[in-house]
Each structure stands twice: as C-alpha cells, then as structure tokens.
C-alpha cells in the first residue's frame, strides 16, 4: 500500500491510530458485511500495519465488488507483491492493468514504479 502509506514521521501515529480505526471498521463490517467503504479502508489499514495476510482477502473482496476502482486494484497488487511467489506474478499483471486502464490516475503512477 505504498500509494496509501503515510510519511515516515506519521508512521507511529498511524500504527496506534490504525489499530483503533481497524477495530471501528471491523465493527462496521459486522453490522454491514457488504459495506465496501469499510472493506476498502480496513484492507488499507491492515496493509499499512504490515498485516498482509489479513488485508489480502479484504482487497480481493473489494476488488471483486468494484473491479474498476484503481485504488482497490493497486492495494490488491501491492499486497500480492508483499506475499511473493505466484502472487507476485498476479501483482505484476494487476500493475500493468492499472497503467493500461487508468493511465492518468495517480494509482497508475504508483503502479509504474512498483
């Protein structure tokens, strides 16, 4: 989630605040399992906390629900890239697709440098 990652000075605050936000988003998903806003943001929080195994299914879920969202696609690709192995190949395909489908979007800039 490089595109979503805070600056180094903000990282400690993100880790503390991110845990709190994560709990709020988990609660939101318990009440509204189809809440794409909560899915997307919880995936980003978990990714920013380095909890990729937990973030990956949420990014997949969000990307499947909103396949044209370049931010969700980017988050999924970055999370897959962190997983390595065969997931790294899938990540590269997603990065390429983001650049092709959304060349002017900031997510494409992040995908180009991934």
PDB file of N, CA and C in Angstrom:
ATOM      1  N   UNK A   1       0.798  -1.142   0.000  1.00  0.00           N
ATOM      2  CA  UNK A   1       0.000   0.000   0.000  1.00  0.00           C
ATOM      3  C   UNK A   1       0.871   1.248   0.000  1.00  0.00           C
ATOM      4  N   UNK A   2       1.897   1.198  -0.795  1.00  0.00           N
ATOM      5  CA  UNK A   2       2.818   2.333  -0.876  1.00  0.00           C
ATOM      6  C   UNK A   2       2.083   3.621  -1.207  1.00  0.00           C
ATOM      7  N   UNK A   3       1.121   3.531  -2.104  1.00  0.00           N
ATOM      8  CA  UNK A   3       0.377   4.715  -2.516  1.00  0.00           C
ATOM      9  C   UNK A   3      -0.382   5.312  -1.332  1.00  0.00           C
ATOM     10  N   UNK A   4      -0.818   4.462  -0.411  1.00  0.00           N
ATOM     11  CA  UNK A   4      -1.613   4.906   0.724  1.00  0.00           C
ATOM     12  C   UNK A   4      -0.777   5.127   1.982  1.00  0.00           C
ATOM     13  N   UNK A   5       0.500   4.812   1.920  1.00  0.00           N
ATOM     14  CA  UNK A   5       1.342   4.832   3.106  1.00  0.00           C
ATOM     15  C   UNK A   5       1.648   6.262   3.564  1.00  0.00           C
ATOM     16  N   UNK A   6       1.553   6.493   4.876  1.00  0.00           N
ATOM     17  CA  UNK A   6       1.880   7.822   5.397  1.00  0.00           C
ATOM     18  C   UNK A   6       3.383   8.090   5.337  1.00  0.00           C
ATOM     19  N   UNK A   7       3.731   9.340   5.484  1.00  0.00           N
ATOM     20  CA  UNK A   7       5.140   9.732   5.524  1.00  0.00           C
ATOM     21  C   UNK A   7       5.779   9.136   6.784  1.00  0.00           C
ATOM     22  N   UNK A   8       7.122   8.948   6.793  1.00  0.00           N
ATOM     23  CA  UNK A   8       7.785   8.306   7.931  1.00  0.00           C
ATOM     24  C   UNK A   8       7.455   8.939   9.280  1.00  0.00           C
ATOM     25  N   UNK A   9       7.304  10.229   9.334  1.00  0.00           N
ATOM     26  CA  UNK A   9       7.011  10.909  10.603  1.00  0.00           C
ATOM     27  C   UNK A   9       5.649  10.487  11.140  1.00  0.00           C
ATOM     28  N   UNK A  10       4.745  10.136  10.245  1.00  0.00           N
ATOM     29  CA  UNK A  10       3.387   9.790  10.645  1.00  0.00           C
ATOM     30  C   UNK A  10       3.204   8.308  10.961  1.00  0.00           C
ATOM     31  N   UNK A  11       4.198   7.502  10.724  1.00  0.00           N
ATOM     32  CA  UNK A  11       4.011   6.050  10.834  1.00  0.00           C
ATOM     33  C   UNK A  11       3.634   5.594  12.229  1.00  0.00           C
ATOM     34  N   UNK A  12       4.275   6.141  13.246  1.00  0.00           N
ATOM     35  CA  UNK A  12       3.934   5.702  14.603  1.00  0.00           C
ATOM     36  C   UNK A  12       2.483   6.047  14.922  1.00  0.00           C
ATOM     37  N   UNK A  13       2.081   7.241  14.589  1.00  0.00           N
ATOM     38  CA  UNK A  13       0.692   7.638  14.824  1.00  0.00           C
ATOM     39  C   UNK A  13      -0.264   6.752  14.036  1.00  0.00           C
ATOM     40  N   UNK A  14       0.130   6.384  12.829  1.00  0.00           N
ATOM     41  CA  UNK A  14      -0.702   5.519  12.002  1.00  0.00           C
ATOM     42  C   UNK A  14      -0.852   4.153  12.658  1.00  0.00           C
ATOM     43  N   UNK A  15       0.219   3.638  13.213  1.00  0.00           N
ATOM     44  CA  UNK A  15       0.138   2.315  13.826  1.00  0.00           C
ATOM     45  C   UNK A  15      -0.799   2.323  15.021  1.00  0.00           C
ATOM     46  N   UNK A  16      -0.721   3.334  15.853  1.00  0.00           N
ATOM     47  CA  UNK A  16      -1.607   3.423  17.009  1.00  0.00           C
ATOM     48  C   UNK A  16      -3.027   3.739  16.545  1.00  0.00           C
ATOM     49  N   UNK A  17      -3.170   4.793  15.750  1.00  0.00           N
ATOM     50  CA  UNK A  17      -4.481   5.172  15.246  1.00  0.00           C
ATOM     51  C   UNK A  17      -5.065   4.123  14.319  1.00  0.00           C
ATOM     52  N   UNK A  18      -4.196   3.468  13.548  1.00  0.00           N
ATOM     53  CA  UNK A  18      -4.655   2.437  12.629  1.00  0.00           C
ATOM     54  C   UNK A  18      -5.292   1.268  13.347  1.00  0.00           C
ATOM     55  N   UNK A  19      -4.746   0.885  14.477  1.00  0.00           N
ATOM     56  CA  UNK A  19      -5.347  -0.210  15.254  1.00  0.00           C
ATOM     57  C   UNK A  19      -6.740   0.180  15.727  1.00  0.00           C
ATOM     58  N   UNK A  20      -6.876   1.409  16.193  1.00  0.00           N
ATOM     59  CA  UNK A  20      -8.180   1.876  16.652  1.00  0.00           C
ATOM     60  C   UNK A  20      -9.161   1.945  15.482  1.00  0.00           C
ATOM     61  N   UNK A  21      -8.710   2.493  14.366  1.00  0.00           N
ATOM     62  CA  UNK A  21      -9.556   2.576  13.185  1.00  0.00           C
ATOM     63  C   UNK A  21      -9.922   1.182  12.696  1.00  0.00           C
ATOM     64  N   UNK A  22      -8.972   0.278  12.745  1.00  0.00           N
ATOM     65  CA  UNK A  22      -9.238  -1.108  12.347  1.00  0.00           C
ATOM     66  C   UNK A  22     -10.359  -1.718  13.163  1.00  0.00           C
ATOM     67  N   UNK A  23     -10.364  -1.484  14.472  1.00  0.00           N
ATOM     68  CA  UNK A  23     -11.430  -2.024  15.322  1.00  0.00           C
ATOM     69  C   UNK A  23     -12.782  -1.437  14.926  1.00  0.00           C
ATOM     70  N   UNK A  24     -12.803  -0.137  14.643  1.00  0.00           N
ATOM     71  CA  UNK A  24     -14.049   0.513  14.230  1.00  0.00           C
ATOM     72  C   UNK A  24     -14.545  -0.087  12.910  1.00  0.00           C
ATOM     73  N   UNK A  25     -13.627  -0.295  11.976  1.00  0.00           N
ATOM     74  CA  UNK A  25     -14.014  -0.849  10.680  1.00  0.00           C
ATOM     75  C   UNK A  25     -14.457  -2.301  10.787  1.00  0.00           C
ATOM     76  N   UNK A  26     -13.804  -3.093  11.649  1.00  0.00           N
ATOM     77  CA  UNK A  26     -14.265  -4.463  11.891  1.00  0.00           C
ATOM     78  C   UNK A  26     -15.698  -4.446  12.408  1.00  0.00           C
ATOM     79  N   UNK A  27     -15.978  -3.538  13.357  1.00  0.00           N
ATOM     80  CA  UNK A  27     -17.337  -3.415  13.892  1.00  0.00           C
ATOM     81  C   UNK A  27     -18.328  -3.038  12.795  1.00  0.00           C
ATOM     82  N   UNK A  28     -17.924  -2.119  11.932  1.00  0.00           N
ATOM     83  CA  UNK A  28     -18.801  -1.709  10.833  1.00  0.00           C
ATOM     84  C   UNK A  28     -19.118  -2.888   9.921  1.00  0.00           C
ATOM     85  N   UNK A  29     -18.110  -3.726   9.652  1.00  0.00           N
ATOM     86  CA  UNK A  29     -18.333  -4.881   8.782  1.00  0.00           C
ATOM     87  C   UNK A  29     -19.200  -5.944   9.444  1.00  0.00           C
ATOM     88  N   UNK A  30     -19.137  -6.042  10.763  1.00  0.00           N
ATOM     89  CA  UNK A  30     -20.022  -6.978  11.454  1.00  0.00           C
ATOM     90  C   UNK A  30     -21.481  -6.555  11.281  1.00  0.00           C
ATOM     91  N   UNK A  31     -21.711  -5.248  11.309  1.00  0.00           N
ATOM     92  CA  UNK A  31     -23.072  -4.734  11.175  1.00  0.00           C
ATOM     93  C   UNK A  31     -23.528  -4.668   9.724  1.00  0.00           C
ATOM     94  N   UNK A  32     -22.595  -4.371   8.812  1.00  0.00           N
ATOM     95  CA  UNK A  32     -22.920  -4.242   7.391  1.00  0.00           C
ATOM     96  C   UNK A  32     -21.841  -4.960   6.570  1.00  0.00           C
ATOM     97  N   UNK A  33     -21.966  -6.268   6.404  1.00  0.00           N
ATOM     98  CA  UNK A  33     -20.925  -7.043   5.725  1.00  0.00           C
ATOM     99  C   UNK A  33     -20.632  -6.603   4.289  1.00  0.00           C
ATOM    100  N   UNK A  34     -21.581  -5.957   3.631  1.00  0.00           N
ATOM    101  CA  UNK A  34     -21.376  -5.530   2.246  1.00  0.00           C
ATOM    102  C   UNK A  34     -20.925  -4.082   2.130  1.00  0.00           C
ATOM    103  N   UNK A  35     -20.491  -3.488   3.210  1.00  0.00           N
ATOM    104  CA  UNK A  35     -20.068  -2.084   3.223  1.00  0.00           C
ATOM    105  C   UNK A  35     -18.696  -1.971   2.557  1.00  0.00           C
ATOM    106  N   UNK A  36     -18.696  -1.596   1.276  1.00  0.00           N
ATOM    107  CA  UNK A  36     -17.449  -1.532   0.503  1.00  0.00           C
ATOM    108  C   UNK A  36     -16.492  -0.483   1.066  1.00  0.00           C
ATOM    109  N   UNK A  37     -17.007   0.603   1.591  1.00  0.00           N
ATOM    110  CA  UNK A  37     -16.168   1.624   2.215  1.00  0.00           C
ATOM    111  C   UNK A  37     -15.362   1.008   3.357  1.00  0.00           C
ATOM    112  N   UNK A  38     -16.036   0.228   4.209  1.00  0.00           N
ATOM    113  CA  UNK A  38     -15.357  -0.402   5.339  1.00  0.00           C
ATOM    114  C   UNK A  38     -14.362  -1.459   4.861  1.00  0.00           C
ATOM    115  N   UNK A  39     -14.735  -2.243   3.856  1.00  0.00           N
ATOM    116  CA  UNK A  39     -13.836  -3.272   3.310  1.00  0.00           C
ATOM    117  C   UNK A  39     -12.560  -2.616   2.789  1.00  0.00           C
ATOM    118  N   UNK A  40     -12.750  -1.601   1.956  1.00  0.00           N
ATOM    119  CA  UNK A  40     -11.611  -0.915   1.329  1.00  0.00           C
ATOM    120  C   UNK A  40     -10.689  -0.295   2.376  1.00  0.00           C
ATOM    121  N   UNK A  41     -11.270   0.381   3.334  1.00  0.00           N
ATOM    122  CA  UNK A  41     -10.451   1.077   4.323  1.00  0.00           C
ATOM    123  C   UNK A  41      -9.827   0.140   5.342  1.00  0.00           C
ATOM    124  N   UNK A  42     -10.526  -0.919   5.719  1.00  0.00           N
ATOM    125  CA  UNK A  42      -9.913  -1.895   6.623  1.00  0.00           C
ATOM    126  C   UNK A  42      -8.748  -2.594   5.928  1.00  0.00           C
ATOM    127  N   UNK A  43      -8.902  -2.932   4.664  1.00  0.00           N
ATOM    128  CA  UNK A  43      -7.797  -3.544   3.917  1.00  0.00           C
ATOM    129  C   UNK A  43      -6.587  -2.613   3.908  1.00  0.00           C
ATOM    130  N   UNK A  44      -6.815  -1.323   3.671  1.00  0.00           N
ATOM    131  CA  UNK A  44      -5.713  -0.359   3.641  1.00  0.00           C
ATOM    132  C   UNK A  44      -5.057  -0.226   5.012  1.00  0.00           C
ATOM    133  N   UNK A  45      -5.866  -0.174   6.059  1.00  0.00           N
ATOM    134  CA  UNK A  45      -5.305  -0.067   7.423  1.00  0.00           C
ATOM    135  C   UNK A  45      -4.451  -1.291   7.724  1.00  0.00           C
ATOM    136  N   UNK A  46      -4.974  -2.479   7.460  1.00  0.00           N
ATOM    137  CA  UNK A  46      -4.213  -3.702   7.738  1.00  0.00           C
ATOM    138  C   UNK A  46      -2.937  -3.754   6.908  1.00  0.00           C
ATOM    139  N   UNK A  47      -3.020  -3.354   5.657  1.00  0.00           N
ATOM    140  CA  UNK A  47      -1.824  -3.319   4.819  1.00  0.00           C
ATOM    141  C   UNK A  47      -0.794  -2.357   5.359  1.00  0.00           C
ATOM    142  N   UNK A  48      -1.230  -1.188   5.788  1.00  0.00           N
ATOM    143  CA  UNK A  48      -0.307  -0.198   6.342  1.00  0.00           C
ATOM    144  C   UNK A  48       0.314  -0.665   7.650  1.00  0.00           C
ATOM    145  N   UNK A  49      -0.375  -1.544   8.349  1.00  0.00           N
ATOM    146  CA  UNK A  49       0.164  -2.109   9.587  1.00  0.00           C
ATOM    147  C   UNK A  49       1.049  -3.328   9.312  1.00  0.00           C
ATOM    148  N   UNK A  50       1.181  -3.708   8.033  1.00  0.00           N
ATOM    149  CA  UNK A  50       2.006  -4.862   7.680  1.00  0.00           C
ATOM    150  C   UNK A  50       1.296  -6.191   7.869  1.00  0.00           C
ATOM    151  N   UNK A  51      -0.013  -6.172   8.039  1.00  0.00           N
ATOM    152  CA  UNK A  51      -0.793  -7.391   8.263  1.00  0.00           C
ATOM    153  C   UNK A  51      -1.390  -7.848   6.929  1.00  0.00           C
ATOM    154  N   UNK A  52      -0.486  -8.222   6.018  1.00  0.00           N
ATOM    155  CA  UNK A  52      -0.866  -8.525   4.638  1.00  0.00           C
ATOM    156  C   UNK A  52      -1.767  -9.744   4.526  1.00  0.00           C
ATOM    157  N   UNK A  53      -1.551 -10.758   5.341  1.00  0.00           N
ATOM    158  CA  UNK A  53      -2.382 -11.966   5.267  1.00  0.00           C
ATOM    159  C   UNK A  53      -3.838 -11.639   5.590  1.00  0.00           C
ATOM    160  N   UNK A  54      -4.059 -10.677   6.458  1.00  0.00           N
ATOM    161  CA  UNK A  54      -5.422 -10.260   6.784  1.00  0.00           C
ATOM    162  C   UNK A  54      -5.962  -9.284   5.739  1.00  0.00           C
ATOM    163  N   UNK A  55      -5.099  -8.462   5.191  1.00  0.00           N
ATOM    164  CA  UNK A  55      -5.526  -7.461   4.209  1.00  0.00           C
ATOM    165  C   UNK A  55      -5.876  -8.101   2.869  1.00  0.00           C
ATOM    166  N   UNK A  56      -5.165  -9.146   2.482  1.00  0.00           N
ATOM    167  CA  UNK A  56      -5.330  -9.723   1.152  1.00  0.00           C
ATOM    168  C   UNK A  56      -6.762 -10.152   0.841  1.00  0.00           C
ATOM    169  N   UNK A  57      -7.438 -10.926   1.705  1.00  0.00           N
ATOM    170  CA  UNK A  57      -8.814 -11.308   1.352  1.00  0.00           C
ATOM    171  C   UNK A  57      -9.759 -10.110   1.274  1.00  0.00           C
ATOM    172  N   UNK A  58      -9.498  -9.090   2.068  1.00  0.00           N
ATOM    173  CA  UNK A  58     -10.333  -7.893   2.002  1.00  0.00           C
ATOM    174  C   UNK A  58     -10.099  -7.133   0.700  1.00  0.00           C
ATOM    175  N   UNK A  59      -8.831  -7.014   0.292  1.00  0.00           N
ATOM    176  CA  UNK A  59      -8.558  -6.375  -1.002  1.00  0.00           C
ATOM    177  C   UNK A  59      -9.185  -7.178  -2.143  1.00  0.00           C
ATOM    178  N   UNK A  60      -9.101  -8.501  -2.070  1.00  0.00           N
ATOM    179  CA  UNK A  60      -9.717  -9.328  -3.112  1.00  0.00           C
ATOM    180  C   UNK A  60     -11.229  -9.091  -3.154  1.00  0.00           C
ATOM    181  N   UNK A  61     -11.819  -9.088  -1.985  1.00  0.00           N
ATOM    182  CA  UNK A  61     -13.273  -8.873  -1.886  1.00  0.00           C
ATOM    183  C   UNK A  61     -13.662  -7.508  -2.458  1.00  0.00           C
ATOM    184  N   UNK A  62     -12.936  -6.473  -2.078  1.00  0.00           N
ATOM    185  CA  UNK A  62     -13.211  -5.137  -2.574  1.00  0.00           C
ATOM    186  C   UNK A  62     -12.988  -5.020  -4.068  1.00  0.00           C
ATOM    187  N   UNK A  63     -11.884  -5.592  -4.559  1.00  0.00           N
ATOM    188  CA  UNK A  63     -11.566  -5.525  -5.987  1.00  0.00           C
ATOM    189  C   UNK A  63     -12.593  -6.297  -6.810  1.00  0.00           C
ATOM    190  N   UNK A  64     -13.114  -7.368  -6.265  1.00  0.00           N
ATOM    191  CA  UNK A  64     -14.145  -8.127  -6.972  1.00  0.00           C
ATOM    192  C   UNK A  64     -15.452  -7.339  -7.009  1.00  0.00           C
ATOM    193  N   UNK A  65     -15.773  -6.658  -5.923  1.00  0.00           N
ATOM    194  CA  UNK A  65     -17.013  -5.873  -5.870  1.00  0.00           C
ATOM    195  C   UNK A  65     -16.925  -4.603  -6.712  1.00  0.00           C
ATOM    196  N   UNK A  66     -15.721  -4.072  -6.858  1.00  0.00           N
ATOM    197  CA  UNK A  66     -15.529  -2.820  -7.598  1.00  0.00           C
ATOM    198  C   UNK A  66     -14.309  -2.947  -8.513  1.00  0.00           C
ATOM    199  N   UNK A  67     -14.437  -3.735  -9.586  1.00  0.00           N
ATOM    200  CA  UNK A  67     -13.273  -4.035 -10.429  1.00  0.00           C
ATOM    201  C   UNK A  67     -12.681  -2.836 -11.165  1.00  0.00           C
ATOM    202  N   UNK A  68     -13.418  -1.744 -11.263  1.00  0.00           N
ATOM    203  CA  UNK A  68     -12.898  -0.572 -11.959  1.00  0.00           C
ATOM    204  C   UNK A  68     -12.280   0.457 -11.021  1.00  0.00           C
ATOM    205  N   UNK A  69     -12.137   0.118  -9.748  1.00  0.00           N
ATOM    206  CA  UNK A  69     -11.558   1.037  -8.770  1.00  0.00           C
ATOM    207  C   UNK A  69     -10.035   0.854  -8.762  1.00  0.00           C
ATOM    208  N   UNK A  70      -9.282   1.810  -9.332  1.00  0.00           N
ATOM    209  CA  UNK A  70      -7.834   1.628  -9.420  1.00  0.00           C
ATOM    210  C   UNK A  70      -7.141   1.616  -8.056  1.00  0.00           C
ATOM    211  N   UNK A  71      -7.716   2.265  -7.058  1.00  0.00           N
ATOM    212  CA  UNK A  71      -7.099   2.246  -5.730  1.00  0.00           C
ATOM    213  C   UNK A  71      -7.215   0.855  -5.107  1.00  0.00           C
ATOM    214  N   UNK A  72      -8.370   0.241  -5.232  1.00  0.00           N
ATOM    215  CA  UNK A  72      -8.518  -1.132  -4.728  1.00  0.00           C
ATOM    216  C   UNK A  72      -7.609  -2.091  -5.488  1.00  0.00           C
ATOM    217  N   UNK A  73      -7.544  -1.933  -6.799  1.00  0.00           N
ATOM    218  CA  UNK A  73      -6.673  -2.790  -7.601  1.00  0.00           C
ATOM    219  C   UNK A  73      -5.210  -2.605  -7.199  1.00  0.00           C
ATOM    220  N   UNK A  74      -4.822  -1.358  -6.949  1.00  0.00           N
ATOM    221  CA  UNK A  74      -3.450  -1.080  -6.535  1.00  0.00           C
ATOM    222  C   UNK A  74      -3.161  -1.697  -5.174  1.00  0.00           C
ATOM    223  N   UNK A  75      -4.085  -1.537  -4.238  1.00  0.00           N
ATOM    224  CA  UNK A  75      -3.900  -2.142  -2.914  1.00  0.00           C
ATOM    225  C   UNK A  75      -3.763  -3.645  -3.003  1.00  0.00           C
ATOM    226  N   UNK A  76      -4.601  -4.258  -3.831  1.00  0.00           N
ATOM    227  CA  UNK A  76      -4.522  -5.710  -4.020  1.00  0.00           C
ATOM    228  C   UNK A  76      -3.176  -6.088  -4.625  1.00  0.00           C
ATOM    229  N   UNK A  77      -2.752  -5.360  -5.648  1.00  0.00           N
ATOM    230  CA  UNK A  77      -1.471  -5.670  -6.300  1.00  0.00           C
ATOM    231  C   UNK A  77      -0.304  -5.525  -5.323  1.00  0.00           C
ATOM    232  N   UNK A  78      -0.309  -4.467  -4.532  1.00  0.00           N
ATOM    233  CA  UNK A  78       0.793  -4.272  -3.575  1.00  0.00           C
ATOM    234  C   UNK A  78       0.792  -5.361  -2.512  1.00  0.00           C
ATOM    235  N   UNK A  79      -0.391  -5.742  -2.063  1.00  0.00           N
ATOM    236  CA  UNK A  79      -0.494  -6.802  -1.061  1.00  0.00           C
ATOM    237  C   UNK A  79      -0.008  -8.136  -1.643  1.00  0.00           C
ATOM    238  N   UNK A  80      -0.397  -8.426  -2.865  1.00  0.00           N
ATOM    239  CA  UNK A  80       0.079  -9.649  -3.535  1.00  0.00           C
ATOM    240  C   UNK A  80       1.593  -9.614  -3.708  1.00  0.00           C
ATOM    241  N   UNK A  81       2.122  -8.442  -4.035  1.00  0.00           N
ATOM    242  CA  UNK A  81       3.567  -8.292  -4.192  1.00  0.00           C
ATOM    243  C   UNK A  81       4.315  -8.593  -2.903  1.00  0.00           C
ATOM    244  N   UNK A  82       3.732  -8.210  -1.794  1.00  0.00           N
ATOM    245  CA  UNK A  82       4.364  -8.498  -0.494  1.00  0.00           C
ATOM    246  C   UNK A  82       4.338  -9.987  -0.194  1.00  0.00           C
ATOM    247  N   UNK A  83       3.317 -10.688  -0.714  1.00  0.00           N
ATOM    248  CA  UNK A  83       3.201 -12.128  -0.476  1.00  0.00           C
ATOM    249  C   UNK A  83       4.271 -12.907  -1.238  1.00  0.00           C
ATOM    250  N   UNK A  84       4.668 -12.411  -2.429  1.00  0.00           N
ATOM    251  CA  UNK A  84       5.703 -13.078  -3.223  1.00  0.00           C
ATOM    252  C   UNK A  84       5.188 -14.329  -3.905  1.00  0.00           C
ATOM    253  N   UNK A  85       6.101 -15.135  -4.419  1.00  0.00           N
ATOM    254  CA  UNK A  85       5.749 -16.387  -5.092  1.00  0.00           C
ATOM    255  C   UNK A  85       4.847 -16.166  -6.285  1.00  0.00           C
ATOM    256  N   UNK A  86       3.871 -17.071  -6.462  1.00  0.00           N
ATOM    257  CA  UNK A  86       2.958 -16.954  -7.595  1.00  0.00           C
ATOM    258  C   UNK A  86       2.106 -15.699  -7.505  1.00  0.00           C
ATOM    259  N   UNK A  87       1.892 -15.200  -6.286  1.00  0.00           N
ATOM    260  CA  UNK A  87       1.141 -13.968  -6.111  1.00  0.00           C
ATOM    261  C   UNK A  87       1.862 -12.779  -6.739  1.00  0.00           C
ATOM    262  N   UNK A  88       3.186 -12.841  -6.795  1.00  0.00           N
ATOM    263  CA  UNK A  88       3.959 -11.750  -7.402  1.00  0.00           C
ATOM    264  C   UNK A  88       3.638 -11.620  -8.895  1.00  0.00           C
ATOM    265  N   UNK A  89       3.403 -12.744  -9.559  1.00  0.00           N
ATOM    266  CA  UNK A  89       3.027 -12.694 -10.976  1.00  0.00           C
ATOM    267  C   UNK A  89       1.661 -12.036 -11.137  1.00  0.00           C
ATOM    268  N   UNK A  90       0.735 -12.393 -10.267  1.00  0.00           N
ATOM    269  CA  UNK A  90      -0.596 -11.773 -10.313  1.00  0.00           C
ATOM    270  C   UNK A  90      -0.477 -10.272 -10.036  1.00  0.00           C
ATOM    271  N   UNK A  91       0.392  -9.911  -9.111  1.00  0.00           N
ATOM    272  CA  UNK A  91       0.604  -8.495  -8.802  1.00  0.00           C
ATOM    273  C   UNK A  91       1.087  -7.739 -10.026  1.00  0.00           C
ATOM    274  N   UNK A  92       2.035  -8.310 -10.750  1.00  0.00           N
ATOM    275  CA  UNK A  92       2.558  -7.643 -11.943  1.00  0.00           C
ATOM    276  C   UNK A  92       1.470  -7.459 -13.000  1.00  0.00           C
ATOM    277  N   UNK A  93       0.619  -8.467 -13.156  1.00  0.00           N
ATOM    278  CA  UNK A  93      -0.487  -8.338 -14.114  1.00  0.00           C
ATOM    279  C   UNK A  93      -1.441  -7.212 -13.695  1.00  0.00           C
ATOM    280  N   UNK A  94      -1.701  -7.108 -12.402  1.00  0.00           N
ATOM    281  CA  UNK A  94      -2.584  -6.043 -11.921  1.00  0.00           C
ATOM    282  C   UNK A  94      -1.946  -4.668 -12.104  1.00  0.00           C
ATOM    283  N   UNK A  95      -0.655  -4.554 -11.794  1.00  0.00           N
ATOM    284  CA  UNK A  95       0.030  -3.273 -12.001  1.00  0.00           C
ATOM    285  C   UNK A  95      -0.080  -2.846 -13.468  1.00  0.00           C
ATOM    286  N   UNK A  96       0.165  -3.796 -14.371  1.00  0.00           N
ATOM    287  CA  UNK A  96       0.088  -3.498 -15.805  1.00  0.00           C
ATOM    288  C   UNK A  96      -1.330  -3.085 -16.207  1.00  0.00           C
ATOM    289  N   UNK A  97      -2.313  -3.757 -15.657  1.00  0.00           N
ATOM    290  CA  UNK A  97      -3.705  -3.432 -15.975  1.00  0.00           C
ATOM    291  C   UNK A  97      -4.089  -2.040 -15.472  1.00  0.00           C
ATOM    292  N   UNK A  98      -3.624  -1.689 -14.290  1.00  0.00           N
ATOM    293  CA  UNK A  98      -3.915  -0.353 -13.743  1.00  0.00           C
ATOM    294  C   UNK A  98      -3.359   0.716 -14.678  1.00  0.00           C
ATOM    295  N   UNK A  99      -2.124   0.528 -15.124  1.00  0.00           N
ATOM    296  CA  UNK A  99      -1.493   1.501 -16.030  1.00  0.00           C
ATOM    297  C   UNK A  99      -2.257   1.570 -17.346  1.00  0.00           C
ATOM    298  N   UNK A 100      -2.663   0.419 -17.866  1.00  0.00           N
ATOM    299  CA  UNK A 100      -3.376   0.391 -19.145  1.00  0.00           C
ATOM    300  C   UNK A 100      -4.768   1.012 -19.033  1.00  0.00           C
ATOM    301  N   UNK A 101      -5.501   0.635 -17.975  1.00  0.00           N
ATOM    302  CA  UNK A 101      -6.897   1.064 -17.847  1.00  0.00           C
ATOM    303  C   UNK A 101      -7.070   2.463 -17.276  1.00  0.00           C
ATOM    304  N   UNK A 102      -6.101   2.929 -16.502  1.00  0.00           N
ATOM    305  CA  UNK A 102      -6.221   4.219 -15.812  1.00  0.00           C
ATOM    306  C   UNK A 102      -4.911   5.010 -15.917  1.00  0.00           C
ATOM    307  N   UNK A 103      -4.434   5.280 -17.139  1.00  0.00           N
ATOM    308  CA  UNK A 103      -3.098   5.866 -17.304  1.00  0.00           C
ATOM    309  C   UNK A 103      -2.905   7.229 -16.642  1.00  0.00           C
ATOM    310  N   UNK A 104      -3.957   7.992 -16.462  1.00  0.00           N
ATOM    311  CA  UNK A 104      -3.838   9.328 -15.877  1.00  0.00           C
ATOM    312  C   UNK A 104      -4.102   9.341 -14.368  1.00  0.00           C
ATOM    313  N   UNK A 105      -4.531   8.236 -13.808  1.00  0.00           N
ATOM    314  CA  UNK A 105      -4.844   8.180 -12.385  1.00  0.00           C
ATOM    315  C   UNK A 105      -3.560   8.085 -11.562  1.00  0.00           C
ATOM    316  N   UNK A 106      -3.529   8.713 -10.385  1.00  0.00           N
ATOM    317  CA  UNK A 106      -2.331   8.591  -9.531  1.00  0.00           C
ATOM    318  C   UNK A 106      -1.956   7.139  -9.206  1.00  0.00           C
ATOM    319  N   UNK A 107      -2.930   6.248  -9.176  1.00  0.00           N
ATOM    320  CA  UNK A 107      -2.625   4.845  -8.931  1.00  0.00           C
ATOM    321  C   UNK A 107      -1.739   4.269 -10.032  1.00  0.00           C
ATOM    322  N   UNK A 108      -1.909   4.763 -11.253  1.00  0.00           N
ATOM    323  CA  UNK A 108      -1.062   4.299 -12.360  1.00  0.00           C
ATOM    324  C   UNK A 108       0.384   4.721 -12.141  1.00  0.00           C
ATOM    325  N   UNK A 109       0.582   5.922 -11.614  1.00  0.00           N
ATOM    326  CA  UNK A 109       1.957   6.363 -11.306  1.00  0.00           C
ATOM    327  C   UNK A 109       2.592   5.423 -10.284  1.00  0.00           C
ATOM    328  N   UNK A 110       1.826   5.067  -9.253  1.00  0.00           N
ATOM    329  CA  UNK A 110       2.354   4.133  -8.237  1.00  0.00           C
ATOM    330  C   UNK A 110       2.603   2.764  -8.854  1.00  0.00           C
ATOM    331  N   UNK A 111       1.718   2.326  -9.738  1.00  0.00           N
ATOM    332  CA  UNK A 111       1.872   1.014 -10.370  1.00  0.00           C
ATOM    333  C   UNK A 111       3.107   0.977 -11.270  1.00  0.00           C
ATOM    334  N   UNK A 112       3.399   2.088 -11.926  1.00  0.00           N
ATOM    335  CA  UNK A 112       4.584   2.151 -12.810  1.00  0.00           C
ATOM    336  C   UNK A 112       5.881   1.984 -12.024  1.00  0.00           C
ATOM    337  N   UNK A 113       5.905   2.441 -10.791  1.00  0.00           N
ATOM    338  CA  UNK A 113       7.136   2.381 -10.002  1.00  0.00           C
ATOM    339  C   UNK A 113       7.203   1.159  -9.101  1.00  0.00           C
ATOM    340  N   UNK A 114       6.167   0.324  -9.150  1.00  0.00           N
ATOM    341  CA  UNK A 114       6.146  -0.855  -8.265  1.00  0.00           C
ATOM    342  C   UNK A 114       7.109  -1.918  -8.748  1.00  0.00           C
TER     343      UNK A 114
END
